[in-house]
N, C-alpha and C. Protein backbone atom coordinates (compact mmCIF):
# COMPACT_ATOMS: atom_id res chain seq x y z
N MET A 1 -25.63 -70.46 169.54
CA MET A 1 -24.33 -69.16 170.14
C MET A 1 -25.00 -67.80 169.95
N ALA A 2 -24.81 -66.67 170.62
CA ALA A 2 -25.20 -65.26 170.24
C ALA A 2 -23.83 -64.48 170.52
N MET A 3 -24.14 -63.06 170.06
CA MET A 3 -23.26 -62.34 170.60
C MET A 3 -23.35 -61.87 172.02
N ARG A 4 -22.20 -61.31 172.58
CA ARG A 4 -22.16 -60.71 173.55
C ARG A 4 -21.79 -59.35 173.36
N LYS A 5 -22.32 -58.36 174.31
CA LYS A 5 -21.72 -56.96 174.51
C LYS A 5 -20.57 -57.17 174.92
N ILE A 6 -19.37 -56.14 174.02
CA ILE A 6 -18.01 -55.88 174.74
C ILE A 6 -18.01 -54.88 175.36
N ARG A 7 -17.74 -55.37 176.75
CA ARG A 7 -17.32 -53.75 177.88
C ARG A 7 -16.70 -53.20 177.41
N THR A 8 -16.58 -51.93 177.91
CA THR A 8 -15.71 -51.11 177.46
C THR A 8 -15.19 -50.19 178.63
N GLU A 9 -14.57 -49.64 178.71
CA GLU A 9 -13.29 -48.66 179.90
C GLU A 9 -14.35 -47.92 180.23
N GLY A 10 -14.46 -47.92 181.93
CA GLY A 10 -15.28 -47.32 182.75
C GLY A 10 -16.15 -47.98 183.36
N ASP A 11 -16.38 -49.70 182.60
CA ASP A 11 -17.40 -50.29 183.01
C ASP A 11 -16.25 -50.74 184.12
N SER A 12 -16.80 -51.01 185.25
CA SER A 12 -16.32 -51.31 186.57
C SER A 12 -16.05 -52.98 186.30
N ILE A 13 -16.56 -53.59 185.66
CA ILE A 13 -16.50 -55.40 185.88
C ILE A 13 -14.79 -55.21 185.44
N LEU A 14 -14.26 -54.48 184.26
CA LEU A 14 -13.02 -54.93 183.62
C LEU A 14 -11.79 -54.78 184.62
N LEU A 15 -12.29 -54.06 185.70
CA LEU A 15 -11.01 -54.14 187.03
C LEU A 15 -11.17 -55.15 188.08
N LYS A 16 -12.06 -56.19 187.70
CA LYS A 16 -12.16 -57.18 188.97
C LYS A 16 -11.48 -58.30 188.83
N LYS A 17 -10.94 -58.79 189.78
CA LYS A 17 -10.51 -60.15 189.44
C LYS A 17 -11.03 -61.17 189.36
N CYS A 18 -10.88 -62.10 188.68
CA CYS A 18 -12.17 -63.28 188.33
C CYS A 18 -11.49 -64.70 188.80
N ARG A 19 -12.99 -64.95 188.58
CA ARG A 19 -12.88 -66.20 189.74
C ARG A 19 -12.62 -67.68 189.03
N PRO A 20 -11.99 -68.45 189.20
CA PRO A 20 -11.72 -69.86 188.63
C PRO A 20 -12.54 -70.50 188.33
N VAL A 21 -12.80 -71.12 187.18
CA VAL A 21 -13.86 -72.08 186.63
C VAL A 21 -13.89 -73.38 187.41
N THR A 22 -14.41 -74.02 187.99
CA THR A 22 -15.07 -75.08 188.55
C THR A 22 -15.53 -75.93 187.57
N ASP A 23 -16.71 -75.48 187.06
CA ASP A 23 -17.76 -76.28 186.55
C ASP A 23 -17.73 -76.57 184.97
N PHE A 24 -17.33 -77.54 184.42
CA PHE A 24 -17.18 -77.51 183.21
C PHE A 24 -18.08 -78.10 182.51
N ASN A 25 -19.42 -77.31 182.19
CA ASN A 25 -20.77 -78.24 181.85
C ASN A 25 -21.14 -76.85 180.62
N ARG A 26 -22.62 -77.21 180.55
CA ARG A 26 -23.30 -76.51 179.15
C ARG A 26 -23.09 -75.05 179.39
N ARG A 27 -23.27 -74.60 180.13
CA ARG A 27 -22.92 -72.91 180.57
C ARG A 27 -21.63 -72.36 180.38
N LEU A 28 -20.40 -73.53 180.91
CA LEU A 28 -19.08 -72.92 180.16
C LEU A 28 -19.09 -72.82 178.48
N HIS A 29 -19.92 -73.93 177.94
CA HIS A 29 -19.55 -74.31 176.77
C HIS A 29 -20.53 -73.13 175.96
N THR A 30 -21.26 -72.49 176.35
CA THR A 30 -22.36 -71.91 175.76
C THR A 30 -21.14 -70.39 175.76
N LEU A 31 -20.80 -69.89 176.97
CA LEU A 31 -19.88 -68.78 177.02
C LEU A 31 -19.27 -68.98 175.82
N LEU A 32 -17.76 -70.01 175.91
CA LEU A 32 -17.29 -70.35 174.90
C LEU A 32 -17.32 -69.87 173.56
N ASP A 33 -18.82 -70.76 173.32
CA ASP A 33 -18.99 -70.42 171.65
C ASP A 33 -19.89 -69.20 171.78
N ASP A 34 -20.09 -68.60 172.37
CA ASP A 34 -20.56 -67.23 172.28
C ASP A 34 -19.26 -65.83 172.03
N MET A 35 -18.24 -66.72 172.66
CA MET A 35 -17.19 -65.51 173.16
C MET A 35 -16.75 -65.56 171.52
N ARG A 36 -16.71 -66.81 171.17
CA ARG A 36 -15.82 -67.09 170.21
C ARG A 36 -16.23 -66.01 168.66
N GLU A 37 -18.09 -66.47 168.59
CA GLU A 37 -18.88 -65.45 167.66
C GLU A 37 -18.32 -63.96 168.24
N THR A 38 -18.28 -63.37 169.44
CA THR A 38 -17.97 -62.13 169.21
C THR A 38 -16.70 -61.91 168.84
N LEU A 39 -15.65 -62.58 169.23
CA LEU A 39 -14.20 -62.31 169.01
C LEU A 39 -14.11 -62.00 167.38
N ILE A 40 -14.77 -63.76 166.48
CA ILE A 40 -14.76 -63.29 165.34
C ILE A 40 -15.37 -62.02 164.54
N ASP A 41 -16.48 -61.72 165.19
CA ASP A 41 -17.40 -60.26 164.63
C ASP A 41 -16.62 -59.37 164.66
N ALA A 42 -15.89 -59.02 165.73
CA ALA A 42 -15.33 -57.88 166.50
C ALA A 42 -14.09 -57.99 165.78
N ASP A 43 -13.59 -58.57 165.15
CA ASP A 43 -12.28 -59.08 164.06
C ASP A 43 -11.25 -58.39 165.05
N GLY A 44 -10.88 -59.12 166.70
CA GLY A 44 -10.27 -59.03 167.33
C GLY A 44 -8.89 -60.12 167.18
N VAL A 45 -8.17 -60.13 168.14
CA VAL A 45 -7.27 -61.42 168.29
C VAL A 45 -7.37 -62.37 169.49
N GLY A 46 -8.05 -61.68 170.65
CA GLY A 46 -8.36 -61.95 171.84
C GLY A 46 -9.49 -61.36 172.56
N LEU A 47 -9.99 -62.21 173.45
CA LEU A 47 -10.98 -61.81 174.33
C LEU A 47 -10.90 -62.55 175.71
N ALA A 48 -11.48 -61.94 177.02
CA ALA A 48 -11.37 -62.45 177.85
C ALA A 48 -13.09 -62.45 178.52
N ALA A 49 -13.26 -63.16 179.04
CA ALA A 49 -14.93 -63.09 179.85
C ALA A 49 -15.25 -61.80 180.53
N PRO A 50 -14.11 -61.02 181.27
CA PRO A 50 -14.97 -60.28 181.74
C PRO A 50 -15.42 -59.42 180.80
N GLN A 51 -14.36 -59.09 179.90
CA GLN A 51 -14.88 -58.11 178.32
C GLN A 51 -16.23 -58.41 177.70
N VAL A 52 -17.00 -59.45 178.64
CA VAL A 52 -18.24 -59.65 178.04
C VAL A 52 -19.24 -59.70 179.24
N GLY A 53 -18.24 -59.68 180.21
CA GLY A 53 -19.34 -59.36 181.70
C GLY A 53 -19.39 -60.70 182.72
N ILE A 54 -18.08 -61.38 182.37
CA ILE A 54 -18.53 -62.59 182.92
C ILE A 54 -17.18 -62.77 184.18
N LEU A 55 -17.48 -62.92 184.98
CA LEU A 55 -15.98 -62.68 186.21
C LEU A 55 -15.76 -63.93 186.32
N ARG A 56 -14.93 -65.00 185.31
CA ARG A 56 -14.43 -66.28 185.33
C ARG A 56 -13.09 -65.93 184.28
N ARG A 57 -12.19 -66.91 185.04
CA ARG A 57 -11.01 -67.32 184.05
C ARG A 57 -10.84 -67.71 182.83
N VAL A 58 -11.25 -67.21 182.25
CA VAL A 58 -11.70 -67.84 180.68
C VAL A 58 -11.41 -66.86 179.39
N VAL A 59 -10.03 -67.25 178.78
CA VAL A 59 -10.13 -66.20 177.13
C VAL A 59 -10.09 -67.03 176.14
N LEU A 60 -10.19 -66.35 175.45
CA LEU A 60 -9.81 -67.12 173.43
C LEU A 60 -8.54 -66.43 172.92
N VAL A 61 -7.76 -66.78 172.57
CA VAL A 61 -6.79 -66.62 172.11
C VAL A 61 -6.52 -66.88 170.48
N MET A 62 -6.31 -65.83 169.48
CA MET A 62 -5.94 -66.35 168.35
C MET A 62 -4.41 -66.75 167.82
N ASP A 63 -4.67 -67.96 167.62
CA ASP A 63 -2.89 -68.13 166.96
C ASP A 63 -2.51 -67.82 166.19
N THR A 64 -2.01 -66.82 165.96
CA THR A 64 -1.72 -66.19 164.48
C THR A 64 -0.09 -66.26 164.11
N ASN A 65 0.26 -67.48 164.81
CA ASN A 65 1.20 -68.09 164.22
C ASN A 65 0.63 -69.16 163.38
N LYS A 66 -0.28 -69.40 163.01
CA LYS A 66 -1.08 -70.62 161.98
C LYS A 66 -1.58 -70.25 161.54
N GLU A 67 -1.41 -69.13 160.44
CA GLU A 67 -2.19 -68.43 159.24
C GLU A 67 -2.70 -69.27 158.04
N ASP A 68 -2.68 -70.28 157.75
CA ASP A 68 -3.22 -71.28 157.05
C ASP A 68 -4.23 -71.80 158.12
N LEU A 69 -4.80 -71.37 158.67
CA LEU A 69 -5.94 -71.85 159.75
C LEU A 69 -6.96 -70.86 159.04
N SER A 70 -8.63 -71.25 159.35
CA SER A 70 -9.29 -70.11 159.27
C SER A 70 -9.56 -69.54 160.97
N PRO A 71 -9.54 -68.38 160.91
CA PRO A 71 -9.90 -67.22 162.07
C PRO A 71 -10.83 -68.19 163.05
N SER A 72 -11.77 -69.51 163.25
CA SER A 72 -12.40 -69.90 163.96
C SER A 72 -11.62 -70.97 164.20
N GLU A 73 -10.33 -72.07 163.45
CA GLU A 73 -9.57 -72.78 164.18
C GLU A 73 -8.35 -72.38 164.39
N GLN A 74 -7.83 -70.83 164.26
CA GLN A 74 -6.93 -70.17 165.03
C GLN A 74 -7.08 -70.24 166.22
N ILE A 75 -8.68 -70.11 167.27
CA ILE A 75 -8.89 -69.64 168.63
C ILE A 75 -8.14 -70.63 169.27
N ILE A 76 -7.69 -70.49 170.43
CA ILE A 76 -7.38 -71.23 171.09
C ILE A 76 -7.99 -70.76 172.51
N GLU A 77 -8.66 -72.07 173.31
CA GLU A 77 -9.67 -71.62 174.35
C GLU A 77 -8.57 -71.99 175.57
N LEU A 78 -8.62 -71.28 176.57
CA LEU A 78 -8.13 -71.27 177.60
C LEU A 78 -8.79 -70.78 179.35
N ILE A 79 -9.07 -72.06 179.77
CA ILE A 79 -9.70 -71.84 180.92
C ILE A 79 -8.89 -72.11 182.10
N ASN A 80 -8.99 -71.12 183.03
CA ASN A 80 -7.78 -71.14 184.17
C ASN A 80 -6.69 -71.15 183.71
N PRO A 81 -6.16 -70.25 182.76
CA PRO A 81 -4.83 -70.01 182.50
C PRO A 81 -3.36 -69.49 183.31
N GLU A 82 -2.74 -69.77 182.81
CA GLU A 82 -1.25 -69.41 183.67
C GLU A 82 -0.20 -69.35 182.73
N ILE A 83 0.53 -68.04 183.01
CA ILE A 83 1.48 -68.41 182.30
C ILE A 83 2.66 -68.88 183.20
N ILE A 84 3.60 -70.13 182.27
CA ILE A 84 4.20 -70.83 183.10
C ILE A 84 5.86 -70.54 182.68
N ALA A 85 6.12 -69.59 181.56
CA ALA A 85 7.25 -69.75 181.02
C ALA A 85 7.35 -68.35 180.12
N THR A 86 8.24 -67.67 180.03
CA THR A 86 8.27 -66.51 178.94
C THR A 86 10.17 -66.66 178.47
N ASP A 87 10.09 -66.07 177.57
CA ASP A 87 11.60 -65.56 176.77
C ASP A 87 11.61 -64.66 175.82
N GLY A 88 12.42 -64.05 175.92
CA GLY A 88 12.92 -62.93 175.64
C GLY A 88 12.19 -61.63 175.69
N GLU A 89 11.87 -60.52 174.80
CA GLU A 89 11.17 -59.27 175.14
C GLU A 89 10.82 -58.81 173.53
N GLN A 90 9.48 -57.73 173.48
CA GLN A 90 9.32 -57.35 172.61
C GLN A 90 8.55 -56.14 172.78
N GLU A 91 8.73 -55.04 171.99
CA GLU A 91 8.05 -54.04 172.07
C GLU A 91 7.18 -53.72 170.96
N GLY A 92 6.21 -53.24 171.21
CA GLY A 92 5.20 -52.82 170.03
C GLY A 92 3.86 -52.47 170.29
N GLN A 93 2.97 -52.24 169.12
CA GLN A 93 1.64 -51.58 169.53
C GLN A 93 0.77 -52.64 169.83
N GLU A 94 -0.55 -51.81 171.18
CA GLU A 94 -1.34 -53.09 171.40
C GLU A 94 -2.34 -51.88 171.35
N GLY A 95 -3.41 -52.58 171.64
CA GLY A 95 -4.64 -52.20 171.65
C GLY A 95 -5.79 -53.15 171.96
N CYS A 96 -7.28 -52.75 172.40
CA CYS A 96 -8.25 -53.91 173.43
C CYS A 96 -9.31 -53.05 172.54
N LEU A 97 -10.13 -54.25 172.67
CA LEU A 97 -11.83 -53.99 172.34
C LEU A 97 -12.60 -53.39 173.13
N SER A 98 -11.94 -53.66 174.72
CA SER A 98 -12.60 -52.73 175.52
C SER A 98 -11.98 -51.58 175.64
N VAL A 99 -11.14 -50.77 174.80
CA VAL A 99 -10.56 -49.50 174.65
C VAL A 99 -10.43 -48.87 173.50
N PRO A 100 -11.75 -49.08 172.59
CA PRO A 100 -11.67 -48.68 171.31
C PRO A 100 -11.26 -47.34 170.82
N GLY A 101 -10.20 -47.44 169.73
CA GLY A 101 -9.47 -46.24 169.09
C GLY A 101 -8.10 -46.07 170.11
N VAL A 102 -8.00 -46.70 171.02
CA VAL A 102 -6.62 -46.48 171.73
C VAL A 102 -5.59 -47.38 171.67
N TYR A 103 -4.53 -46.69 171.41
CA TYR A 103 -2.78 -48.03 171.18
C TYR A 103 -2.21 -47.58 172.28
N GLY A 104 -1.05 -48.37 172.27
CA GLY A 104 -0.22 -48.04 172.94
C GLY A 104 1.10 -48.54 172.73
N ILE A 105 2.24 -48.21 173.53
CA ILE A 105 3.67 -48.98 173.23
C ILE A 105 3.63 -49.71 174.86
N VAL A 106 4.06 -51.39 174.50
CA VAL A 106 3.66 -52.13 175.73
C VAL A 106 4.90 -52.95 175.22
N LYS A 107 5.72 -53.24 176.24
CA LYS A 107 7.03 -54.12 176.11
C LYS A 107 6.19 -55.62 176.96
N ARG A 108 6.43 -56.50 176.10
CA ARG A 108 6.00 -58.10 176.45
C ARG A 108 6.81 -59.13 176.19
N PRO A 109 6.82 -60.21 176.51
CA PRO A 109 8.15 -61.61 176.49
C PRO A 109 7.61 -62.09 174.93
N GLU A 110 8.56 -62.59 174.32
CA GLU A 110 8.26 -62.53 172.65
C GLU A 110 8.05 -63.91 172.36
N ARG A 111 8.37 -64.91 173.71
CA ARG A 111 7.25 -66.07 173.43
C ARG A 111 6.79 -66.56 174.97
N VAL A 112 5.84 -66.64 175.03
CA VAL A 112 4.85 -67.10 176.20
C VAL A 112 4.39 -68.70 176.43
N ARG A 113 4.28 -69.38 177.11
CA ARG A 113 4.05 -70.96 177.55
C ARG A 113 3.50 -70.49 178.47
N VAL A 114 1.64 -71.17 178.13
CA VAL A 114 0.73 -70.82 179.29
C VAL A 114 0.29 -72.62 179.17
N ARG A 115 -0.36 -72.81 180.81
CA ARG A 115 -0.95 -73.93 181.11
C ARG A 115 -2.50 -73.72 180.91
N ALA A 116 -3.54 -74.50 180.69
CA ALA A 116 -4.60 -74.14 181.08
C ALA A 116 -5.37 -75.12 180.99
N GLN A 117 -6.79 -75.41 180.99
CA GLN A 117 -7.48 -76.31 181.18
C GLN A 117 -8.63 -76.00 179.89
N ASP A 118 -8.93 -77.11 179.08
CA ASP A 118 -10.03 -77.07 178.05
C ASP A 118 -11.38 -77.07 178.33
N ARG A 119 -12.09 -76.84 177.48
CA ARG A 119 -13.88 -76.87 177.92
C ARG A 119 -14.28 -77.66 178.42
N PHE A 120 -13.51 -79.28 178.49
CA PHE A 120 -13.92 -80.10 179.57
C PHE A 120 -13.28 -80.45 180.46
N GLY A 121 -11.95 -79.75 180.99
CA GLY A 121 -11.22 -79.66 181.83
C GLY A 121 -10.09 -80.34 181.98
N ASN A 122 -9.27 -80.82 181.06
CA ASN A 122 -8.64 -81.45 180.74
C ASN A 122 -7.13 -80.12 180.67
N TYR A 123 -6.14 -80.69 181.18
CA TYR A 123 -5.16 -79.78 181.45
C TYR A 123 -4.19 -79.75 180.19
N PHE A 124 -3.64 -78.67 179.62
CA PHE A 124 -2.56 -78.41 178.33
C PHE A 124 -2.00 -77.65 178.15
N GLU A 125 -1.06 -77.62 177.50
CA GLU A 125 0.05 -76.24 177.47
C GLU A 125 -0.23 -76.08 175.89
N ALA A 126 0.03 -74.73 175.91
CA ALA A 126 0.17 -74.02 174.72
C ALA A 126 1.05 -72.84 174.55
N GLU A 127 2.28 -72.50 173.55
CA GLU A 127 3.18 -71.50 173.55
C GLU A 127 3.03 -70.87 172.06
N GLY A 128 3.35 -69.41 172.18
CA GLY A 128 3.30 -68.68 171.43
C GLY A 128 4.23 -67.57 171.09
N THR A 129 4.63 -66.96 169.87
CA THR A 129 5.58 -65.92 169.72
C THR A 129 4.84 -64.87 169.32
N GLY A 130 5.57 -63.83 169.04
CA GLY A 130 5.19 -62.42 168.43
C GLY A 130 3.96 -62.06 169.12
N LEU A 131 2.69 -61.90 168.05
CA LEU A 131 1.63 -61.41 168.66
C LEU A 131 0.70 -62.32 169.00
N THR A 132 0.95 -63.54 169.13
CA THR A 132 0.06 -64.58 169.91
C THR A 132 0.74 -64.55 171.64
N ALA A 133 1.67 -64.64 171.52
CA ALA A 133 2.56 -64.25 173.06
C ALA A 133 2.15 -62.86 173.79
N ARG A 134 1.76 -61.91 173.14
CA ARG A 134 1.75 -60.47 173.13
C ARG A 134 -0.01 -60.77 173.55
N CYS A 135 -0.73 -61.53 173.45
CA CYS A 135 -2.08 -61.89 173.14
C CYS A 135 -2.35 -62.63 174.72
N PHE A 136 -1.48 -63.72 174.75
CA PHE A 136 -1.74 -64.56 175.89
C PHE A 136 -1.59 -63.62 177.37
N CYS A 137 -0.66 -62.71 177.27
CA CYS A 137 -0.56 -61.76 178.21
C CYS A 137 -1.58 -60.57 178.15
N HIS A 138 -1.40 -60.06 177.08
CA HIS A 138 -2.89 -59.31 177.08
C HIS A 138 -4.10 -59.64 177.97
N GLU A 139 -4.62 -60.85 177.57
CA GLU A 139 -6.05 -61.60 178.06
C GLU A 139 -6.11 -61.88 179.59
N ILE A 140 -4.87 -62.42 179.56
CA ILE A 140 -4.74 -62.87 181.25
C ILE A 140 -4.51 -61.94 181.65
N ASP A 141 -4.19 -60.59 181.80
CA ASP A 141 -4.11 -59.20 182.25
C ASP A 141 -5.38 -58.99 182.57
N HIS A 142 -6.55 -59.25 181.96
CA HIS A 142 -7.96 -58.83 181.93
C HIS A 142 -8.35 -59.71 183.13
N LEU A 143 -8.16 -61.18 183.30
CA LEU A 143 -8.81 -61.84 184.18
C LEU A 143 -8.26 -61.21 185.44
N ASP A 144 -7.10 -60.46 185.69
CA ASP A 144 -6.65 -60.04 186.94
C ASP A 144 -7.08 -58.35 187.10
N GLY A 145 -8.22 -58.12 186.53
CA GLY A 145 -8.77 -56.64 186.68
C GLY A 145 -7.54 -55.63 186.09
N HIS A 146 -6.52 -55.95 184.57
CA HIS A 146 -5.65 -54.82 184.42
C HIS A 146 -6.07 -54.67 182.90
N LEU A 147 -5.79 -53.59 182.52
CA LEU A 147 -6.02 -52.88 181.16
C LEU A 147 -4.64 -52.89 180.28
N PHE A 148 -4.60 -53.00 179.24
CA PHE A 148 -3.01 -52.40 178.93
C PHE A 148 -2.72 -51.10 178.90
N THR A 149 -3.39 -50.36 179.03
CA THR A 149 -2.88 -48.64 179.07
C THR A 149 -2.39 -48.96 180.51
N GLU A 150 -2.61 -49.47 181.89
CA GLU A 150 -1.78 -49.33 182.54
C GLU A 150 -0.14 -49.90 182.58
N ARG A 151 0.19 -51.04 181.48
CA ARG A 151 1.12 -51.40 181.14
C ARG A 151 1.87 -50.68 179.98
N ALA A 152 1.35 -49.44 179.56
CA ALA A 152 1.94 -49.16 178.15
C ALA A 152 2.69 -47.68 178.36
N GLU A 153 4.03 -48.09 178.24
CA GLU A 153 4.89 -47.05 177.96
C GLU A 153 4.69 -45.56 177.87
N ARG A 154 3.97 -45.76 176.69
CA ARG A 154 2.90 -44.48 176.27
C ARG A 154 1.68 -44.60 175.50
N ILE A 155 0.90 -44.06 175.55
CA ILE A 155 -0.12 -44.04 174.21
C ILE A 155 0.06 -43.39 172.91
N LEU A 156 -0.39 -43.88 172.03
CA LEU A 156 -0.18 -43.44 170.58
C LEU A 156 -1.17 -41.91 170.25
N SER A 157 -0.48 -40.90 169.94
CA SER A 157 -1.53 -40.06 169.53
C SER A 157 -2.05 -40.29 168.12
N ASP A 158 -3.09 -39.54 167.52
CA ASP A 158 -3.78 -39.73 166.53
C ASP A 158 -2.91 -39.94 165.17
N GLU A 159 -1.82 -38.44 165.61
CA GLU A 159 -0.63 -38.45 163.91
C GLU A 159 0.09 -39.80 164.25
N GLU A 160 0.28 -40.35 165.11
CA GLU A 160 1.28 -41.55 165.10
C GLU A 160 0.58 -42.67 164.10
N LEU A 161 -0.73 -42.85 165.17
CA LEU A 161 -1.41 -44.17 164.75
C LEU A 161 -1.44 -43.56 163.24
N GLU A 162 -2.03 -42.52 162.36
CA GLU A 162 -2.33 -42.13 160.82
C GLU A 162 -0.85 -42.80 160.10
N GLU A 163 0.19 -42.04 160.90
CA GLU A 163 1.69 -42.65 160.03
C GLU A 163 1.83 -44.31 160.16
N LEU A 164 1.25 -44.54 161.57
CA LEU A 164 1.51 -46.16 161.48
C LEU A 164 0.30 -46.87 160.48
N SER A 165 -0.64 -46.42 160.42
CA SER A 165 -1.51 -46.83 159.39
C SER A 165 -1.12 -46.97 157.82
N GLU A 166 -0.35 -45.60 157.92
CA GLU A 166 0.66 -45.53 156.00
C GLU A 166 1.63 -46.31 155.93
N GLY A 167 1.54 -47.21 156.90
CA GLY A 167 2.89 -48.36 156.48
C GLY A 167 4.11 -47.63 157.23
N GLY A 168 4.52 -46.37 157.87
CA GLY A 168 5.83 -45.71 158.27
C GLY A 168 6.09 -46.18 159.48
N GLU A 169 6.20 -47.57 160.13
CA GLU A 169 6.81 -47.63 161.13
C GLU A 169 8.08 -48.17 161.35
């Protein structure tokens, strides 16, 4: 496994649509393992392949609804993911490893169900609520060349961020 460099805003790869994965081989497994290590090291909750320079439909999402597991065990690998159902609405603070230090208020569904393939090509479904649902949407947006800043109702000021970090939400 190796750490991958996280691409940041301004890198044109983040604005491109990713191609589906068709080969479930050693190269894909290496990418997934490297993304896992990179995500854990960056202390993020999700990571998409274009964020590490690969234009393939691959994302990792932390299932934050399973707090009793270690960070590595919380990671869901989603190959060629698609959202198949949503319910409710949540509005909250969102940030991104590719847009460091910037946070905005974004509306997302409260519950999201996705259909994807695992590293071996087997189809499965996963469901998340709250932060996990937000993360499913956020990471799948990356696969279509979109950053959260496009969806944000507004970007939070430094003063608002400081107030939120002091617990005043």
